[in-house]
Amino acid sequence: MWPMSERMSERIDNTVICQYRPQVDKVDELLGLIREHRSTYTELGLATTRPEEVYIGEDQDGAGPLIVAIFQWTDAEAPGRAHQHPRIAALWERMATLVEDRAMGPGMAFPHFAVKETL
């Protein structure tokens, strides 16, 4: 656990909580692309050095696997730069072939957050 002073001073703005709903037989392949996604973002200077966390579970209605990946952009402009980069676009296109829309949400979603408070 981090000392209180480090926790309080750390800023976690520009956080993206990626949600992926992979086809049942595509989970491992998608996890490989998420790893590649991370290394590409880092190499291009779009993501912070804070480790990305990847979780795997299931949609609440039991319809299939759900993967959540959490990382931080380097700044508020990084998502726009990612959208313009051909290497990132190629990764997103490959990811799109491995996911499926379901009742609980789209195959891929990327809501962005900033810390409101630390409890």
PDB file of N, CA and C in Angstrom:
ATOM      1  N   MET A   1       0.850  -1.188   0.000  1.00  0.00           N
ATOM      2  CA  MET A   1       0.000   0.000   0.000  1.00  0.00           C
ATOM      3  C   MET A   1       0.890   1.244   0.000  1.00  0.00           C
ATOM      4  N   TRP A   2       0.489   2.233  -0.778  1.00  0.00           N
ATOM      5  CA  TRP A   2       1.263   3.468  -0.844  1.00  0.00           C
ATOM      6  C   TRP A   2       1.100   4.275   0.431  1.00  0.00           C
ATOM      7  N   PRO A   3       2.134   5.006   0.820  1.00  0.00           N
ATOM      8  CA  PRO A   3       1.973   5.928   1.958  1.00  0.00           C
ATOM      9  C   PRO A   3       0.896   6.958   1.638  1.00  0.00           C
ATOM     10  N   MET A   4       0.227   7.436   2.650  1.00  0.00           N
ATOM     11  CA  MET A   4      -0.892   8.370   2.467  1.00  0.00           C
ATOM     12  C   MET A   4      -0.485   9.584   1.640  1.00  0.00           C
ATOM     13  N   SER A   5       0.694  10.133   1.881  1.00  0.00           N
ATOM     14  CA  SER A   5       1.094  11.343   1.149  1.00  0.00           C
ATOM     15  C   SER A   5       1.189  11.078  -0.349  1.00  0.00           C
ATOM     16  N   GLU A   6       1.661   9.895  -0.749  1.00  0.00           N
ATOM     17  CA  GLU A   6       1.747   9.566  -2.174  1.00  0.00           C
ATOM     18  C   GLU A   6       0.365   9.375  -2.765  1.00  0.00           C
ATOM     19  N   ARG A   7      -0.518   8.705  -2.038  1.00  0.00           N
ATOM     20  CA  ARG A   7      -1.877   8.486  -2.545  1.00  0.00           C
ATOM     21  C   ARG A   7      -2.582   9.808  -2.760  1.00  0.00           C
ATOM     22  N   MET A   8      -2.442  10.705  -1.829  1.00  0.00           N
ATOM     23  CA  MET A   8      -3.164  11.974  -1.895  1.00  0.00           C
ATOM     24  C   MET A   8      -2.612  12.871  -3.000  1.00  0.00           C
ATOM     25  N   SER A   9      -1.296  12.790  -3.244  1.00  0.00           N
ATOM     26  CA  SER A   9      -0.715  13.693  -4.232  1.00  0.00           C
ATOM     27  C   SER A   9      -0.843  13.148  -5.656  1.00  0.00           C
ATOM     28  N   GLU A  10      -1.083  11.863  -5.788  1.00  0.00           N
ATOM     29  CA  GLU A  10      -1.164  11.274  -7.121  1.00  0.00           C
ATOM     30  C   GLU A  10      -2.446  11.723  -7.824  1.00  0.00           C
ATOM     31  N   ARG A  11      -2.303  12.153  -9.073  1.00  0.00           N
ATOM     32  CA  ARG A  11      -3.454  12.561  -9.879  1.00  0.00           C
ATOM     33  C   ARG A  11      -3.779  11.421 -10.841  1.00  0.00           C
ATOM     34  N   ILE A  12      -5.024  11.065 -10.918  1.00  0.00           N
ATOM     35  CA  ILE A  12      -5.432  10.015 -11.843  1.00  0.00           C
ATOM     36  C   ILE A  12      -6.502  10.607 -12.759  1.00  0.00           C
ATOM     37  N   ASP A  13      -6.132  11.651 -13.467  1.00  0.00           N
ATOM     38  CA  ASP A  13      -7.033  12.242 -14.438  1.00  0.00           C
ATOM     39  C   ASP A  13      -6.865  11.511 -15.759  1.00  0.00           C
ATOM     40  N   ASN A  14      -7.781  11.742 -16.653  1.00  0.00           N
ATOM     41  CA  ASN A  14      -7.708  11.144 -17.985  1.00  0.00           C
ATOM     42  C   ASN A  14      -7.704   9.621 -17.935  1.00  0.00           C
ATOM     43  N   THR A  15      -8.446   9.066 -16.997  1.00  0.00           N
ATOM     44  CA  THR A  15      -8.554   7.618 -16.866  1.00  0.00           C
ATOM     45  C   THR A  15      -9.609   7.100 -17.827  1.00  0.00           C
ATOM     46  N   VAL A  16      -9.280   6.016 -18.504  1.00  0.00           N
ATOM     47  CA  VAL A  16     -10.242   5.366 -19.393  1.00  0.00           C
ATOM     48  C   VAL A  16     -10.479   3.963 -18.862  1.00  0.00           C
ATOM     49  N   ILE A  17     -11.742   3.589 -18.768  1.00  0.00           N
ATOM     50  CA  ILE A  17     -12.125   2.254 -18.321  1.00  0.00           C
ATOM     51  C   ILE A  17     -12.713   1.543 -19.534  1.00  0.00           C
ATOM     52  N   CYS A  18     -11.857   0.790 -20.212  1.00  0.00           N
ATOM     53  CA  CYS A  18     -12.240   0.101 -21.446  1.00  0.00           C
ATOM     54  C   CYS A  18     -13.086  -1.120 -21.094  1.00  0.00           C
ATOM     55  N   GLN A  19     -14.164  -1.297 -21.822  1.00  0.00           N
ATOM     56  CA  GLN A  19     -15.033  -2.455 -21.623  1.00  0.00           C
ATOM     57  C   GLN A  19     -15.117  -3.227 -22.933  1.00  0.00           C
ATOM     58  N   TYR A  20     -14.793  -4.508 -22.854  1.00  0.00           N
ATOM     59  CA  TYR A  20     -14.809  -5.364 -24.041  1.00  0.00           C
ATOM     60  C   TYR A  20     -15.714  -6.557 -23.773  1.00  0.00           C
ATOM     61  N   ARG A  21     -16.558  -6.889 -24.721  1.00  0.00           N
ATOM     62  CA  ARG A  21     -17.414  -8.068 -24.646  1.00  0.00           C
ATOM     63  C   ARG A  21     -16.982  -9.036 -25.751  1.00  0.00           C
ATOM     64  N   PRO A  22     -15.963  -9.855 -25.456  1.00  0.00           N
ATOM     65  CA  PRO A  22     -15.440 -10.747 -26.495  1.00  0.00           C
ATOM     66  C   PRO A  22     -16.375 -11.915 -26.776  1.00  0.00           C
ATOM     67  N   GLN A  23     -16.304 -12.395 -28.016  1.00  0.00           N
ATOM     68  CA  GLN A  23     -16.953 -13.656 -28.337  1.00  0.00           C
ATOM     69  C   GLN A  23     -16.297 -14.718 -27.456  1.00  0.00           C
ATOM     70  N   VAL A  24     -17.058 -15.703 -27.025  1.00  0.00           N
ATOM     71  CA  VAL A  24     -16.575 -16.681 -26.049  1.00  0.00           C
ATOM     72  C   VAL A  24     -15.259 -17.322 -26.476  1.00  0.00           C
ATOM     73  N   ASP A  25     -15.105 -17.645 -27.743  1.00  0.00           N
ATOM     74  CA  ASP A  25     -13.897 -18.317 -28.205  1.00  0.00           C
ATOM     75  C   ASP A  25     -12.775 -17.354 -28.594  1.00  0.00           C
ATOM     76  N   LYS A  26     -12.937 -16.051 -28.294  1.00  0.00           N
ATOM     77  CA  LYS A  26     -11.942 -15.045 -28.690  1.00  0.00           C
ATOM     78  C   LYS A  26     -11.294 -14.333 -27.501  1.00  0.00           C
ATOM     79  N   VAL A  27     -11.546 -14.810 -26.281  1.00  0.00           N
ATOM     80  CA  VAL A  27     -11.037 -14.138 -25.077  1.00  0.00           C
ATOM     81  C   VAL A  27      -9.513 -14.036 -25.096  1.00  0.00           C
ATOM     82  N   ASP A  28      -8.820 -15.136 -25.303  1.00  0.00           N
ATOM     83  CA  ASP A  28      -7.351 -15.121 -25.269  1.00  0.00           C
ATOM     84  C   ASP A  28      -6.778 -14.245 -26.374  1.00  0.00           C
ATOM     85  N   GLU A  29      -7.375 -14.311 -27.551  1.00  0.00           N
ATOM     86  CA  GLU A  29      -6.903 -13.488 -28.662  1.00  0.00           C
ATOM     87  C   GLU A  29      -7.078 -12.001 -28.349  1.00  0.00           C
ATOM     88  N   LEU A  30      -8.212 -11.653 -27.750  1.00  0.00           N
ATOM     89  CA  LEU A  30      -8.444 -10.256 -27.381  1.00  0.00           C
ATOM     90  C   LEU A  30      -7.474  -9.812 -26.286  1.00  0.00           C
ATOM     91  N   LEU A  31      -7.208 -10.665 -25.318  1.00  0.00           N
ATOM     92  CA  LEU A  31      -6.242 -10.310 -24.272  1.00  0.00           C
ATOM     93  C   LEU A  31      -4.869 -10.030 -24.881  1.00  0.00           C
ATOM     94  N   GLY A  32      -4.484 -10.790 -25.886  1.00  0.00           N
ATOM     95  CA  GLY A  32      -3.224 -10.529 -26.576  1.00  0.00           C
ATOM     96  C   GLY A  32      -3.218  -9.165 -27.247  1.00  0.00           C
ATOM     97  N   LEU A  33      -4.348  -8.794 -27.859  1.00  0.00           N
ATOM     98  CA  LEU A  33      -4.442  -7.477 -28.496  1.00  0.00           C
ATOM     99  C   LEU A  33      -4.446  -6.354 -27.463  1.00  0.00           C
ATOM    100  N   ILE A  34      -5.037  -6.597 -26.303  1.00  0.00           N
ATOM    101  CA  ILE A  34      -5.015  -5.583 -25.234  1.00  0.00           C
ATOM    102  C   ILE A  34      -3.564  -5.354 -24.796  1.00  0.00           C
ATOM    103  N   ARG A  35      -2.778  -6.407 -24.702  1.00  0.00           N
ATOM    104  CA  ARG A  35      -1.347  -6.254 -24.364  1.00  0.00           C
ATOM    105  C   ARG A  35      -0.626  -5.456 -25.444  1.00  0.00           C
ATOM    106  N   GLU A  36      -0.908  -5.762 -26.698  1.00  0.00           N
ATOM    107  CA  GLU A  36      -0.294  -5.034 -27.808  1.00  0.00           C
ATOM    108  C   GLU A  36      -0.742  -3.572 -27.814  1.00  0.00           C
ATOM    109  N   HIS A  37      -2.003  -3.352 -27.531  1.00  0.00           N
ATOM    110  CA  HIS A  37      -2.605  -2.018 -27.420  1.00  0.00           C
ATOM    111  C   HIS A  37      -1.818  -1.205 -26.407  1.00  0.00           C
ATOM    112  N   ARG A  38      -1.603  -1.806 -25.241  1.00  0.00           N
ATOM    113  CA  ARG A  38      -0.875  -1.120 -24.166  1.00  0.00           C
ATOM    114  C   ARG A  38       0.556  -0.766 -24.589  1.00  0.00           C
ATOM    115  N   SER A  39       1.269  -1.724 -25.159  1.00  0.00           N
ATOM    116  CA  SER A  39       2.653  -1.444 -25.525  1.00  0.00           C
ATOM    117  C   SER A  39       2.723  -0.377 -26.618  1.00  0.00           C
ATOM    118  N   THR A  40       1.750  -0.366 -27.520  1.00  0.00           N
ATOM    119  CA  THR A  40       1.728   0.648 -28.581  1.00  0.00           C
ATOM    120  C   THR A  40       1.444   2.028 -27.998  1.00  0.00           C
ATOM    121  N   TYR A  41       0.449   2.138 -27.125  1.00  0.00           N
ATOM    122  CA  TYR A  41       0.165   3.425 -26.472  1.00  0.00           C
ATOM    123  C   TYR A  41       1.377   3.947 -25.731  1.00  0.00           C
ATOM    124  N   THR A  42       2.034   3.049 -25.004  1.00  0.00           N
ATOM    125  CA  THR A  42       3.205   3.458 -24.224  1.00  0.00           C
ATOM    126  C   THR A  42       4.331   3.919 -25.147  1.00  0.00           C
ATOM    127  N   GLU A  43       4.605   3.144 -26.182  1.00  0.00           N
ATOM    128  CA  GLU A  43       5.658   3.484 -27.134  1.00  0.00           C
ATOM    129  C   GLU A  43       5.395   4.839 -27.795  1.00  0.00           C
ATOM    130  N   LEU A  44       4.129   5.148 -28.072  1.00  0.00           N
ATOM    131  CA  LEU A  44       3.773   6.407 -28.726  1.00  0.00           C
ATOM    132  C   LEU A  44       3.636   7.573 -27.745  1.00  0.00           C
ATOM    133  N   GLY A  45       3.844   7.308 -26.449  1.00  0.00           N
ATOM    134  CA  GLY A  45       3.756   8.360 -25.446  1.00  0.00           C
ATOM    135  C   GLY A  45       2.339   8.816 -25.155  1.00  0.00           C
ATOM    136  N   LEU A  46       1.362   7.938 -25.369  1.00  0.00           N
ATOM    137  CA  LEU A  46      -0.037   8.302 -25.157  1.00  0.00           C
ATOM    138  C   LEU A  46      -0.566   7.889 -23.786  1.00  0.00           C
ATOM    139  N   ALA A  47       0.047   6.881 -23.185  1.00  0.00           N
ATOM    140  CA  ALA A  47      -0.383   6.391 -21.873  1.00  0.00           C
ATOM    141  C   ALA A  47       0.692   6.682 -20.836  1.00  0.00           C
ATOM    142  N   THR A  48       0.268   6.881 -19.602  1.00  0.00           N
ATOM    143  CA  THR A  48       1.225   7.093 -18.516  1.00  0.00           C
ATOM    144  C   THR A  48       1.955   5.788 -18.215  1.00  0.00           C
ATOM    145  N   THR A  49       2.958   5.874 -17.369  1.00  0.00           N
ATOM    146  CA  THR A  49       3.705   4.687 -16.974  1.00  0.00           C
ATOM    147  C   THR A  49       2.989   3.892 -15.884  1.00  0.00           C
ATOM    148  N   ARG A  50       1.910   4.439 -15.349  1.00  0.00           N
ATOM    149  CA  ARG A  50       1.123   3.709 -14.347  1.00  0.00           C
ATOM    150  C   ARG A  50       0.640   2.399 -14.981  1.00  0.00           C
ATOM    151  N   PRO A  51       0.838   1.264 -14.325  1.00  0.00           N
ATOM    152  CA  PRO A  51       0.445  -0.020 -14.916  1.00  0.00           C
ATOM    153  C   PRO A  51      -1.047  -0.067 -15.259  1.00  0.00           C
ATOM    154  N   GLU A  52      -1.331  -0.692 -16.381  1.00  0.00           N
ATOM    155  CA  GLU A  52      -2.725  -0.909 -16.782  1.00  0.00           C
ATOM    156  C   GLU A  52      -3.247  -2.124 -16.033  1.00  0.00           C
ATOM    157  N   GLU A  53      -4.475  -2.029 -15.546  1.00  0.00           N
ATOM    158  CA  GLU A  53      -5.102  -3.156 -14.860  1.00  0.00           C
ATOM    159  C   GLU A  53      -6.128  -3.775 -15.794  1.00  0.00           C
ATOM    160  N   VAL A  54      -6.102  -5.108 -15.919  1.00  0.00           N
ATOM    161  CA  VAL A  54      -7.041  -5.818 -16.779  1.00  0.00           C
ATOM    162  C   VAL A  54      -7.791  -6.822 -15.914  1.00  0.00           C
ATOM    163  N   TYR A  55      -9.111  -6.755 -15.983  1.00  0.00           N
ATOM    164  CA  TYR A  55      -9.996  -7.636 -15.222  1.00  0.00           C
ATOM    165  C   TYR A  55     -10.822  -8.461 -16.198  1.00  0.00           C
ATOM    166  N   ILE A  56     -11.142  -9.672 -15.806  1.00  0.00           N
ATOM    167  CA  ILE A  56     -12.039 -10.490 -16.621  1.00  0.00           C
ATOM    168  C   ILE A  56     -13.156 -11.024 -15.736  1.00  0.00           C
ATOM    169  N   GLY A  57     -14.347 -10.955 -16.253  1.00  0.00           N
ATOM    170  CA  GLY A  57     -15.519 -11.432 -15.530  1.00  0.00           C
ATOM    171  C   GLY A  57     -16.585 -11.818 -16.530  1.00  0.00           C
ATOM    172  N   GLU A  58     -17.831 -11.597 -16.142  1.00  0.00           N
ATOM    173  CA  GLU A  58     -18.950 -11.950 -16.992  1.00  0.00           C
ATOM    174  C   GLU A  58     -19.993 -10.850 -16.916  1.00  0.00           C
ATOM    175  N   ASP A  59     -20.691 -10.618 -18.021  1.00  0.00           N
ATOM    176  CA  ASP A  59     -21.796  -9.666 -18.002  1.00  0.00           C
ATOM    177  C   ASP A  59     -22.782 -10.065 -16.909  1.00  0.00           C
ATOM    178  N   GLN A  60     -23.446  -9.077 -16.314  1.00  0.00           N
ATOM    179  CA  GLN A  60     -24.375  -9.335 -15.219  1.00  0.00           C
ATOM    180  C   GLN A  60     -25.474 -10.309 -15.588  1.00  0.00           C
ATOM    181  N   ASP A  61     -25.877 -10.305 -16.847  1.00  0.00           N
ATOM    182  CA  ASP A  61     -26.954 -11.207 -17.257  1.00  0.00           C
ATOM    183  C   ASP A  61     -26.441 -12.581 -17.672  1.00  0.00           C
ATOM    184  N   GLY A  62     -25.128 -12.814 -17.526  1.00  0.00           N
ATOM    185  CA  GLY A  62     -24.545 -14.108 -17.853  1.00  0.00           C
ATOM    186  C   GLY A  62     -24.403 -14.378 -19.342  1.00  0.00           C
ATOM    187  N   ALA A  63     -24.539 -13.354 -20.173  1.00  0.00           N
ATOM    188  CA  ALA A  63     -24.527 -13.540 -21.626  1.00  0.00           C
ATOM    189  C   ALA A  63     -23.142 -13.833 -22.198  1.00  0.00           C
ATOM    190  N   GLY A  64     -22.093 -13.588 -21.438  1.00  0.00           N
ATOM    191  CA  GLY A  64     -20.762 -13.854 -21.961  1.00  0.00           C
ATOM    192  C   GLY A  64     -19.689 -13.137 -21.182  1.00  0.00           C
ATOM    193  N   PRO A  65     -18.435 -13.356 -21.571  1.00  0.00           N
ATOM    194  CA  PRO A  65     -17.317 -12.753 -20.858  1.00  0.00           C
ATOM    195  C   PRO A  65     -17.273 -11.233 -21.014  1.00  0.00           C
ATOM    196  N   LEU A  66     -16.726 -10.592 -20.008  1.00  0.00           N
ATOM    197  CA  LEU A  66     -16.539  -9.143 -19.990  1.00  0.00           C
ATOM    198  C   LEU A  66     -15.116  -8.879 -19.530  1.00  0.00           C
ATOM    199  N   ILE A  67     -14.386  -8.106 -20.307  1.00  0.00           N
ATOM    200  CA  ILE A  67     -13.029  -7.704 -19.946  1.00  0.00           C
ATOM    201  C   ILE A  67     -13.037  -6.199 -19.720  1.00  0.00           C
ATOM    202  N   VAL A  68     -12.433  -5.768 -18.620  1.00  0.00           N
ATOM    203  CA  VAL A  68     -12.302  -4.351 -18.307  1.00  0.00           C
ATOM    204  C   VAL A  68     -10.812  -4.053 -18.167  1.00  0.00           C
ATOM    205  N   ALA A  69     -10.353  -3.034 -18.866  1.00  0.00           N
ATOM    206  CA  ALA A  69      -8.955  -2.602 -18.791  1.00  0.00           C
ATOM    207  C   ALA A  69      -8.946  -1.126 -18.409  1.00  0.00           C
ATOM    208  N   ILE A  70      -8.135  -0.773 -17.423  1.00  0.00           N
ATOM    209  CA  ILE A  70      -8.098   0.594 -16.903  1.00  0.00           C
ATOM    210  C   ILE A  70      -6.692   1.158 -17.062  1.00  0.00           C
ATOM    211  N   PHE A  71      -6.614   2.301 -17.730  1.00  0.00           N
ATOM    212  CA  PHE A  71      -5.322   2.978 -17.875  1.00  0.00           C
ATOM    213  C   PHE A  71      -5.538   4.479 -17.914  1.00  0.00           C
ATOM    214  N   GLN A  72      -4.436   5.230 -17.879  1.00  0.00           N
ATOM    215  CA  GLN A  72      -4.495   6.682 -17.914  1.00  0.00           C
ATOM    216  C   GLN A  72      -3.793   7.208 -19.151  1.00  0.00           C
ATOM    217  N   TRP A  73      -4.475   8.110 -19.847  1.00  0.00           N
ATOM    218  CA  TRP A  73      -3.846   8.854 -20.934  1.00  0.00           C
ATOM    219  C   TRP A  73      -2.832   9.817 -20.320  1.00  0.00           C
ATOM    220  N   THR A  74      -1.827  10.206 -21.093  1.00  0.00           N
ATOM    221  CA  THR A  74      -0.829  11.152 -20.593  1.00  0.00           C
ATOM    222  C   THR A  74      -1.421  12.538 -20.377  1.00  0.00           C
ATOM    223  N   ASP A  75      -2.412  12.904 -21.189  1.00  0.00           N
ATOM    224  CA  ASP A  75      -3.047  14.217 -21.064  1.00  0.00           C
ATOM    225  C   ASP A  75      -4.396  14.181 -21.777  1.00  0.00           C
ATOM    226  N   ALA A  76      -5.126  15.254 -21.680  1.00  0.00           N
ATOM    227  CA  ALA A  76      -6.481  15.306 -22.249  1.00  0.00           C
ATOM    228  C   ALA A  76      -6.490  15.219 -23.773  1.00  0.00           C
ATOM    229  N   GLU A  77      -5.386  15.538 -24.415  1.00  0.00           N
ATOM    230  CA  GLU A  77      -5.320  15.497 -25.881  1.00  0.00           C
ATOM    231  C   GLU A  77      -4.908  14.127 -26.424  1.00  0.00           C
ATOM    232  N   ALA A  78      -4.414  13.235 -25.573  1.00  0.00           N
ATOM    233  CA  ALA A  78      -3.927  11.929 -26.016  1.00  0.00           C
ATOM    234  C   ALA A  78      -4.994  11.102 -26.747  1.00  0.00           C
ATOM    235  N   PRO A  79      -6.257  11.079 -26.288  1.00  0.00           N
ATOM    236  CA  PRO A  79      -7.246  10.298 -27.042  1.00  0.00           C
ATOM    237  C   PRO A  79      -7.401  10.786 -28.489  1.00  0.00           C
ATOM    238  N   GLY A  80      -7.359  12.086 -28.695  1.00  0.00           N
ATOM    239  CA  GLY A  80      -7.462  12.625 -30.046  1.00  0.00           C
ATOM    240  C   GLY A  80      -6.278  12.217 -30.907  1.00  0.00           C
ATOM    241  N   ARG A  81      -5.078  12.221 -30.309  1.00  0.00           N
ATOM    242  CA  ARG A  81      -3.897  11.781 -31.052  1.00  0.00           C
ATOM    243  C   ARG A  81      -3.994  10.290 -31.377  1.00  0.00           C
ATOM    244  N   ALA A  82      -4.545   9.500 -30.456  1.00  0.00           N
ATOM    245  CA  ALA A  82      -4.716   8.062 -30.699  1.00  0.00           C
ATOM    246  C   ALA A  82      -5.665   7.821 -31.866  1.00  0.00           C
ATOM    247  N   HIS A  83      -6.737   8.587 -31.923  1.00  0.00           N
ATOM    248  CA  HIS A  83      -7.717   8.424 -33.005  1.00  0.00           C
ATOM    249  C   HIS A  83      -7.129   8.747 -34.376  1.00  0.00           C
ATOM    250  N   GLN A  84      -6.068   9.519 -34.409  1.00  0.00           N
ATOM    251  CA  GLN A  84      -5.451   9.908 -35.674  1.00  0.00           C
ATOM    252  C   GLN A  84      -4.273   9.016 -36.072  1.00  0.00           C
ATOM    253  N   HIS A  85      -3.877   8.102 -35.189  1.00  0.00           N
ATOM    254  CA  HIS A  85      -2.680   7.298 -35.464  1.00  0.00           C
ATOM    255  C   HIS A  85      -3.056   5.995 -36.176  1.00  0.00           C
ATOM    256  N   PRO A  86      -2.427   5.706 -37.320  1.00  0.00           N
ATOM    257  CA  PRO A  86      -2.783   4.502 -38.078  1.00  0.00           C
ATOM    258  C   PRO A  86      -2.518   3.188 -37.343  1.00  0.00           C
ATOM    259  N   ARG A  87      -1.492   3.137 -36.496  1.00  0.00           N
ATOM    260  CA  ARG A  87      -1.226   1.900 -35.740  1.00  0.00           C
ATOM    261  C   ARG A  87      -2.334   1.623 -34.736  1.00  0.00           C
ATOM    262  N   ILE A  88      -2.833   2.674 -34.105  1.00  0.00           N
ATOM    263  CA  ILE A  88      -3.929   2.510 -33.147  1.00  0.00           C
ATOM    264  C   ILE A  88      -5.211   2.117 -33.890  1.00  0.00           C
ATOM    265  N   ALA A  89      -5.480   2.772 -34.998  1.00  0.00           N
ATOM    266  CA  ALA A  89      -6.680   2.449 -35.792  1.00  0.00           C
ATOM    267  C   ALA A  89      -6.662   0.983 -36.219  1.00  0.00           C
ATOM    268  N   ALA A  90      -5.504   0.493 -36.629  1.00  0.00           N
ATOM    269  CA  ALA A  90      -5.391  -0.910 -37.049  1.00  0.00           C
ATOM    270  C   ALA A  90      -5.675  -1.855 -35.883  1.00  0.00           C
ATOM    271  N   LEU A  91      -5.197  -1.512 -34.689  1.00  0.00           N
ATOM    272  CA  LEU A  91      -5.482  -2.337 -33.502  1.00  0.00           C
ATOM    273  C   LEU A  91      -6.968  -2.348 -33.197  1.00  0.00           C
ATOM    274  N   TRP A  92      -7.596  -1.181 -33.220  1.00  0.00           N
ATOM    275  CA  TRP A  92      -9.027  -1.099 -32.917  1.00  0.00           C
ATOM    276  C   TRP A  92      -9.849  -1.893 -33.924  1.00  0.00           C
ATOM    277  N   GLU A  93      -9.435  -1.866 -35.191  1.00  0.00           N
ATOM    278  CA  GLU A  93     -10.144  -2.650 -36.210  1.00  0.00           C
ATOM    279  C   GLU A  93     -10.042  -4.144 -35.910  1.00  0.00           C
ATOM    280  N   ARG A  94      -8.869  -4.610 -35.533  1.00  0.00           N
ATOM    281  CA  ARG A  94      -8.695  -6.025 -35.184  1.00  0.00           C
ATOM    282  C   ARG A  94      -9.506  -6.386 -33.944  1.00  0.00           C
ATOM    283  N   MET A  95      -9.508  -5.505 -32.948  1.00  0.00           N
ATOM    284  CA  MET A  95     -10.291  -5.756 -31.731  1.00  0.00           C
ATOM    285  C   MET A  95     -11.782  -5.887 -32.056  1.00  0.00           C
ATOM    286  N   ALA A  96     -12.264  -5.035 -32.937  1.00  0.00           N
ATOM    287  CA  ALA A  96     -13.690  -5.021 -33.282  1.00  0.00           C
ATOM    288  C   ALA A  96     -14.158  -6.353 -33.855  1.00  0.00           C
ATOM    289  N   THR A  97     -13.256  -7.109 -34.478  1.00  0.00           N
ATOM    290  CA  THR A  97     -13.652  -8.404 -35.043  1.00  0.00           C
ATOM    291  C   THR A  97     -13.793  -9.487 -33.985  1.00  0.00           C
ATOM    292  N   LEU A  98     -13.340  -9.229 -32.758  1.00  0.00           N
ATOM    293  CA  LEU A  98     -13.329 -10.235 -31.688  1.00  0.00           C
ATOM    294  C   LEU A  98     -14.429 -10.032 -30.656  1.00  0.00           C
ATOM    295  N   VAL A  99     -15.169  -8.943 -30.762  1.00  0.00           N
ATOM    296  CA  VAL A  99     -16.190  -8.613 -29.762  1.00  0.00           C
ATOM    297  C   VAL A  99     -17.581  -8.687 -30.373  1.00  0.00           C
ATOM    298  N   GLU A 100     -18.587  -8.621 -29.475  1.00  0.00           N
ATOM    299  CA  GLU A 100     -19.976  -8.644 -29.922  1.00  0.00           C
ATOM    300  C   GLU A 100     -20.817  -7.730 -29.047  1.00  0.00           C
ATOM    301  N   ASP A 101     -21.799  -7.082 -29.665  1.00  0.00           N
ATOM    302  CA  ASP A 101     -22.756  -6.284 -28.914  1.00  0.00           C
ATOM    303  C   ASP A 101     -23.700  -7.236 -28.176  1.00  0.00           C
ATOM    304  N   ARG A 102     -24.075  -6.827 -26.964  1.00  0.00           N
ATOM    305  CA  ARG A 102     -25.002  -7.633 -26.156  1.00  0.00           C
ATOM    306  C   ARG A 102     -26.004  -6.710 -25.482  1.00  0.00           C
ATOM    307  N   ALA A 103     -26.977  -7.310 -24.828  1.00  0.00           N
ATOM    308  CA  ALA A 103     -28.013  -6.528 -24.131  1.00  0.00           C
ATOM    309  C   ALA A 103     -27.400  -5.601 -23.083  1.00  0.00           C
ATOM    310  N   MET A 104     -26.296  -6.022 -22.441  1.00  0.00           N
ATOM    311  CA  MET A 104     -25.673  -5.219 -21.386  1.00  0.00           C
ATOM    312  C   MET A 104     -24.800  -4.096 -21.936  1.00  0.00           C
ATOM    313  N   GLY A 105     -24.540  -4.081 -23.252  1.00  0.00           N
ATOM    314  CA  GLY A 105     -23.750  -2.991 -23.805  1.00  0.00           C
ATOM    315  C   GLY A 105     -23.078  -3.365 -25.106  1.00  0.00           C
ATOM    316  N   PRO A 106     -22.409  -2.383 -25.702  1.00  0.00           N
ATOM    317  CA  PRO A 106     -21.723  -2.618 -26.979  1.00  0.00           C
ATOM    318  C   PRO A 106     -20.493  -3.510 -26.813  1.00  0.00           C
ATOM    319  N   GLY A 107     -20.001  -4.023 -27.925  1.00  0.00           N
ATOM    320  CA  GLY A 107     -18.817  -4.873 -27.915  1.00  0.00           C
ATOM    321  C   GLY A 107     -17.602  -4.193 -27.316  1.00  0.00           C
ATOM    322  N   MET A 108     -17.470  -2.889 -27.576  1.00  0.00           N
ATOM    323  CA  MET A 108     -16.377  -2.104 -26.990  1.00  0.00           C
ATOM    324  C   MET A 108     -16.933  -0.750 -26.565  1.00  0.00           C
ATOM    325  N   ALA A 109     -16.509  -0.296 -25.400  1.00  0.00           N
ATOM    326  CA  ALA A 109     -16.881   1.038 -24.916  1.00  0.00           C
ATOM    327  C   ALA A 109     -15.693   1.599 -24.150  1.00  0.00           C
ATOM    328  N   PHE A 110     -15.506   2.930 -24.238  1.00  0.00           N
ATOM    329  CA  PHE A 110     -14.326   3.562 -23.657  1.00  0.00           C
ATOM    330  C   PHE A 110     -14.680   4.831 -22.886  1.00  0.00           C
ATOM    331  N   PRO A 111     -15.471   4.724 -21.817  1.00  0.00           N
ATOM    332  CA  PRO A 111     -15.784   5.929 -21.049  1.00  0.00           C
ATOM    333  C   PRO A 111     -14.536   6.477 -20.338  1.00  0.00           C
ATOM    334  N   HIS A 112     -14.448   7.802 -20.271  1.00  0.00           N
ATOM    335  CA  HIS A 112     -13.317   8.485 -19.639  1.00  0.00           C
ATOM    336  C   HIS A 112     -13.747   9.085 -18.308  1.00  0.00           C
ATOM    337  N   PHE A 113     -12.816   9.100 -17.358  1.00  0.00           N
ATOM    338  CA  PHE A 113     -13.100   9.556 -15.999  1.00  0.00           C
ATOM    339  C   PHE A 113     -11.960  10.414 -15.466  1.00  0.00           C
ATOM    340  N   ALA A 114     -12.267  11.193 -14.441  1.00  0.00           N
ATOM    341  CA  ALA A 114     -11.289  11.897 -13.619  1.00  0.00           C
ATOM    342  C   ALA A 114     -11.679  11.614 -12.167  1.00  0.00           C
ATOM    343  N   VAL A 115     -10.707  11.586 -11.291  1.00  0.00           N
ATOM    344  CA  VAL A 115     -10.976  11.299  -9.880  1.00  0.00           C
ATOM    345  C   VAL A 115     -11.801  12.436  -9.281  1.00  0.00           C
ATOM    346  N   LYS A 116     -12.881  12.092  -8.638  1.00  0.00           N
ATOM    347  CA  LYS A 116     -13.719  13.050  -7.921  1.00  0.00           C
ATOM    348  C   LYS A 116     -13.189  13.226  -6.507  1.00  0.00           C
ATOM    349  N   GLU A 117     -12.940  12.111  -5.836  1.00  0.00           N
ATOM    350  CA  GLU A 117     -12.377  12.160  -4.478  1.00  0.00           C
ATOM    351  C   GLU A 117     -11.782  10.804  -4.129  1.00  0.00           C
ATOM    352  N   THR A 118     -10.891  10.794  -3.166  1.00  0.00           N
ATOM    353  CA  THR A 118     -10.301   9.566  -2.666  1.00  0.00           C
ATOM    354  C   THR A 118     -10.857   9.342  -1.277  1.00  0.00           C
ATOM    355  N   LEU A 119     -11.470   8.198  -1.069  1.00  0.00           N
ATOM    356  CA  LEU A 119     -12.090   7.905   0.226  1.00  0.00           C
ATOM    357  C   LEU A 119     -11.215   7.027   1.093  1.00  0.00           C
TER     358      LEU A 119
END
